[in-house]
Amino acid sequence: MVNIIKTNYDTLRKLYGLARKNDCNVNHKELSVKISGQTKHNHELSQLYLDICNKYNHSKQMKWGELYKILKELTKDKQIEL
């Protein structure tokens, strides 16, 4: 049985963009992922992040660098336009 994470393209694109932006920032790369309540569509972004944590990180929180690495691997055969 294959476990998949269901989401839509816009949510994936937004989370990927946040992860990439924070991974590129040396001061944020090692910070734990926090999705602000002021972030547009934060509920969908938070849910996708939690689903990824549950499936790929033994339900543990991640740092921005870790999340970006996982999203990059998951989307390596896809083209994401930011």
Protein backbone atom coordinates (compact mmCIF):
# COMPACT_ATOMS: atom_id res chain seq x y z
CA MET A 1 0.00 0.00 0.00
CA VAL A 2 1.38 3.40 -0.97
CA ASN A 3 0.84 6.29 1.43
CA ILE A 4 0.47 9.56 -0.39
CA ILE A 5 0.04 13.06 0.88
CA LYS A 6 -2.87 14.82 -0.74
CA THR A 7 -2.56 18.52 -1.40
CA ASN A 8 -3.07 20.97 -4.19
CA TYR A 9 -0.43 22.56 -6.38
CA ASP A 10 -0.79 26.06 -4.90
CA THR A 11 -0.27 24.85 -1.33
CA LEU A 12 2.74 22.76 -2.34
CA ARG A 13 4.19 25.68 -4.30
CA LYS A 14 3.76 28.07 -1.37
CA LEU A 15 5.30 25.70 1.18
CA TYR A 16 8.17 24.94 -1.21
CA GLY A 17 8.74 28.67 -1.69
CA LEU A 18 8.79 29.33 2.06
CA ALA A 19 11.17 26.42 2.65
CA ARG A 20 13.49 27.52 -0.16
CA LYS A 21 13.52 31.13 1.04
CA ASN A 22 14.30 30.11 4.62
CA ASP A 23 16.87 27.51 3.55
CA CYS A 24 18.75 30.20 1.62
CA ASN A 25 18.80 32.46 4.68
CA VAL A 26 21.69 31.31 6.87
CA ASN A 27 19.97 32.71 9.96
CA HIS A 28 16.73 30.76 9.33
CA LYS A 29 18.03 27.46 7.91
CA GLU A 30 18.51 25.89 11.35
CA LEU A 31 15.32 27.30 12.87
CA SER A 32 12.31 25.07 13.43
CA VAL A 33 9.53 25.50 10.90
CA LYS A 34 6.85 27.88 12.12
CA ILE A 35 3.99 28.97 9.88
CA SER A 36 2.61 32.27 11.06
CA GLY A 37 -1.09 32.76 11.60
CA GLN A 38 -0.72 35.84 9.43
CA THR A 39 0.53 33.79 6.48
CA LYS A 40 -2.10 33.55 3.77
CA HIS A 41 -3.60 30.03 3.60
CA ASN A 42 -1.76 29.12 6.80
CA HIS A 43 -4.17 26.28 7.65
CA GLU A 44 -3.44 24.45 4.39
CA LEU A 45 0.30 25.10 4.69
CA SER A 46 0.33 23.89 8.30
CA GLN A 47 -1.61 20.75 7.41
CA LEU A 48 0.74 19.89 4.55
CA TYR A 49 3.75 20.50 6.81
CA LEU A 50 2.28 18.23 9.52
CA ASP A 51 1.52 15.53 6.94
CA ILE A 52 5.12 15.68 5.70
CA CYS A 53 6.45 15.52 9.28
CA ASN A 54 4.26 12.51 10.03
CA LYS A 55 5.25 10.61 6.90
CA TYR A 56 8.91 11.54 6.44
CA ASN A 57 10.22 12.61 9.86
CA HIS A 58 8.63 10.22 12.38
CA SER A 59 6.10 12.91 13.40
CA LYS A 60 8.89 15.19 14.64
CA GLN A 61 9.21 18.89 13.85
CA MET A 62 11.70 19.89 11.20
CA LYS A 63 14.04 22.74 10.57
CA TRP A 64 13.60 24.81 7.39
CA GLY A 65 16.68 23.21 5.81
CA GLU A 66 15.32 19.71 6.42
CA LEU A 67 11.90 20.59 5.03
CA TYR A 68 13.44 22.11 1.91
CA LYS A 69 15.58 19.01 1.36
CA ILE A 70 12.52 16.73 1.61
CA LEU A 71 10.35 18.93 -0.63
CA LYS A 72 13.17 19.16 -3.19
CA GLU A 73 13.43 15.37 -3.25
CA LEU A 74 9.64 14.87 -3.46
CA THR A 75 9.33 17.31 -6.34
CA LYS A 76 12.51 16.45 -8.25
CA ASP A 77 10.55 15.19 -11.26
CA LYS A 78 8.18 18.17 -11.21
CA GLN A 79 8.68 21.76 -12.24
CA ILE A 80 7.53 24.24 -9.62
CA GLU A 81 7.26 27.82 -10.73
CA LEU A 82 7.47 30.31 -7.89
